[in-house]
Protein backbone atom coordinates (compact mmCIF):
# COMPACT_ATOMS: atom_id res chain seq x y z
CA LEU A 1 -16.50 -21.55 -26.05
CA ALA A 2 -14.47 -22.59 -22.86
CA ILE A 3 -11.35 -19.76 -24.25
CA LYS A 4 -14.03 -17.68 -24.73
CA GLU A 5 -15.59 -17.73 -21.68
CA TYR A 6 -12.12 -17.63 -19.76
CA THR A 7 -11.37 -14.50 -21.30
CA GLU A 8 -14.54 -12.72 -20.91
CA PHE A 9 -15.09 -13.60 -17.29
CA ILE A 10 -11.92 -14.41 -15.79
CA GLU A 11 -8.73 -12.54 -17.73
CA LYS A 12 -10.62 -9.89 -19.04
CA PRO A 13 -11.68 -8.68 -15.45
CA LEU A 14 -8.11 -10.13 -13.83
CA LEU A 15 -6.64 -7.30 -16.53
CA GLU A 16 -8.55 -4.33 -15.76
CA THR A 17 -7.62 -4.82 -12.20
CA ILE A 18 -4.58 -4.97 -12.81
CA ASP A 19 -4.42 -1.67 -15.14
CA ARG A 20 -6.20 0.09 -12.32
CA TYR A 21 -3.41 -0.42 -9.98
CA GLU A 22 -1.05 0.55 -12.33
CA ARG A 23 -2.94 3.68 -13.38
CA PHE A 24 -4.11 4.53 -9.81
CA LEU A 25 -1.16 3.44 -7.60
CA CYS A 26 2.25 2.57 -9.25
CA GLU A 27 4.06 0.56 -11.54
CA LYS A 28 4.89 -3.34 -10.73
CA GLN A 29 8.35 -2.30 -10.49
CA GLU A 30 7.93 1.16 -8.08
CA ILE A 31 8.17 1.68 -4.65
CA LEU A 32 5.83 3.83 -2.82
CA THR A 33 6.99 5.97 0.49
CA LYS A 34 4.42 6.36 3.02
CA LYS A 35 3.53 9.38 1.74
CA SER A 36 3.77 8.97 -1.32
CA LEU A 37 0.95 6.02 -0.89
CA ALA A 38 -1.27 8.37 1.46
CA ASN A 39 -0.90 11.27 -1.58
CA LYS A 40 -2.37 8.62 -3.86
CA LEU A 41 -5.45 8.22 -1.33
CA ASP A 42 -6.24 11.28 -1.17
CA THR A 43 -5.44 12.04 2.44
CA ASN A 44 -2.04 12.94 4.87
CA PRO A 45 0.47 10.14 5.86
CA LEU A 46 -0.69 10.81 9.58
CA THR A 47 -4.15 9.85 8.58
CA LEU A 48 -3.21 6.73 6.97
CA ALA A 49 -1.12 6.30 10.17
CA LYS A 50 -3.83 6.71 12.51
CA ILE A 51 -6.17 3.94 10.02
CA LEU A 52 -3.67 1.67 9.55
CA LYS A 53 -3.16 1.23 12.96
CA LYS A 54 -6.42 0.75 14.27
CA TYR A 55 -6.94 -1.74 11.55
CA ASP A 56 -3.64 -3.42 13.08
CA VAL A 57 -1.76 -2.94 9.65
CA TYR A 58 0.84 -0.85 11.27
CA THR A 59 2.87 0.05 14.51
CA PRO A 60 3.91 3.64 14.41
CA ILE A 61 6.05 2.70 17.76
CA ARG A 62 8.53 0.44 15.74
CA ASN A 63 7.64 2.13 12.15
CA GLU A 64 6.91 -1.05 10.44
CA LEU A 65 3.99 -3.29 9.01
CA THR A 66 3.06 -5.38 12.26
CA GLU A 67 3.84 -9.29 12.25
CA SER A 68 0.07 -10.13 12.04
CA PHE A 69 -0.57 -7.70 8.55
CA LYS A 70 2.50 -9.50 6.97
CA ALA A 71 1.44 -13.21 7.89
CA LYS A 72 -1.86 -12.42 6.21
CA TYR A 73 0.16 -11.69 2.64
CA PRO A 74 3.27 -14.64 3.76
CA ASN A 75 4.26 -14.86 -0.14
CA ILE A 76 4.11 -11.12 -1.11
CA LYS A 77 7.08 -8.94 -0.46
CA LEU A 78 5.26 -5.77 1.04
CA VAL A 79 8.02 -3.68 1.46
CA LYS A 80 11.82 -2.67 0.59
CA GLU A 81 13.63 -2.07 3.68
CA THR A 82 16.97 0.42 3.06
CA ILE A 83 19.66 1.61 5.66
CA GLU A 84 19.87 5.56 5.23
CA THR A 85 23.68 7.17 6.75
CA PHE A 86 23.32 10.39 7.38
CA LYS A 87 25.62 12.52 9.77
CA ASP A 88 24.97 14.33 12.97
CA SER A 89 25.84 17.52 14.45
CA LYS A 90 28.96 16.29 16.09
CA GLY A 91 29.98 14.97 12.85
CA ASN A 92 28.91 11.28 13.96
CA SER A 93 27.42 9.11 11.36
CA ILE A 94 23.90 7.11 12.07
CA GLU A 95 22.03 4.74 10.56
CA LYS A 96 18.50 5.43 9.83
CA LYS A 97 15.89 1.96 8.59
CA ASN A 98 13.46 2.79 6.67
CA TRP A 99 11.28 1.53 4.46
CA GLN A 100 9.12 2.11 1.57
CA TYR A 101 6.49 -0.01 -0.13
CA THR A 102 6.30 -2.31 -2.95
CA TYR A 103 3.98 -2.90 -5.49
CA GLU A 104 2.42 -5.71 -4.33
CA GLY A 105 2.55 -4.48 -0.81
CA ALA A 106 0.79 -1.07 -1.48
CA LYS A 107 -1.82 -3.33 -3.41
CA ALA A 108 -2.53 -5.19 -0.34
CA VAL A 109 -2.73 -3.02 1.79
CA VAL A 110 -5.03 -0.63 -0.65
CA ASP A 111 -6.81 -4.62 -1.03
CA PHE A 112 -7.29 -4.46 2.96
CA LEU A 113 -8.61 -1.28 3.30
CA ILE A 114 -11.46 -1.96 0.90
CA GLU A 115 -12.03 -5.40 2.87
CA LYS A 116 -12.84 -2.48 5.79
CA GLY A 117 -14.89 -0.04 3.66
CA ARG A 118 -12.40 2.37 4.22
CA VAL A 119 -11.28 2.54 0.77
CA ILE A 120 -13.36 2.73 -2.47
CA PHE A 121 -12.29 2.95 -6.07
CA THR A 122 -13.88 5.11 -8.97
CA GLU A 123 -12.78 5.42 -12.75
CA ASN A 124 -12.24 9.06 -13.09
CA ASN A 125 -10.68 9.88 -9.48
CA GLY A 126 -9.10 6.25 -8.29
CA PHE A 127 -8.61 4.84 -5.23
CA LYS A 128 -10.52 7.61 -1.94
CA LEU A 129 -9.94 6.96 1.61
CA VAL A 130 -13.34 6.62 3.05
CA LYS A 131 -14.57 8.99 6.44
CA GLU A 132 -15.26 6.88 9.21
CA ILE A 133 -18.95 6.48 9.85
CA LYS A 134 -19.84 7.62 13.78
């Protein structure tokens, strides 16, 4: 009886939740650009960045997640950082720091926005950004 209840009330809902994120965000081993996460939420990157800035998740000035948001998820690798090297018009090498959301990072951001009432989930359409009611 205890095993049946565990399966019914804990394991099954957990697996459905994991499946939901893998179907509508990304596979666990994938990473998402800021643009692709915005697209998955049926919005554009600028709108998503404004919302994340409003809720102190992202700082566009430094182009990174805020320390306060990272502190909420201390055991999760939220982003994967990369260094891009390219040549400027004079042929000088320039390095640019860039980052992308990990599966866990994208999930954390979406869960946070769900808590704030800014994202909803439907089986047919996946995760969608909710327009703010004024």
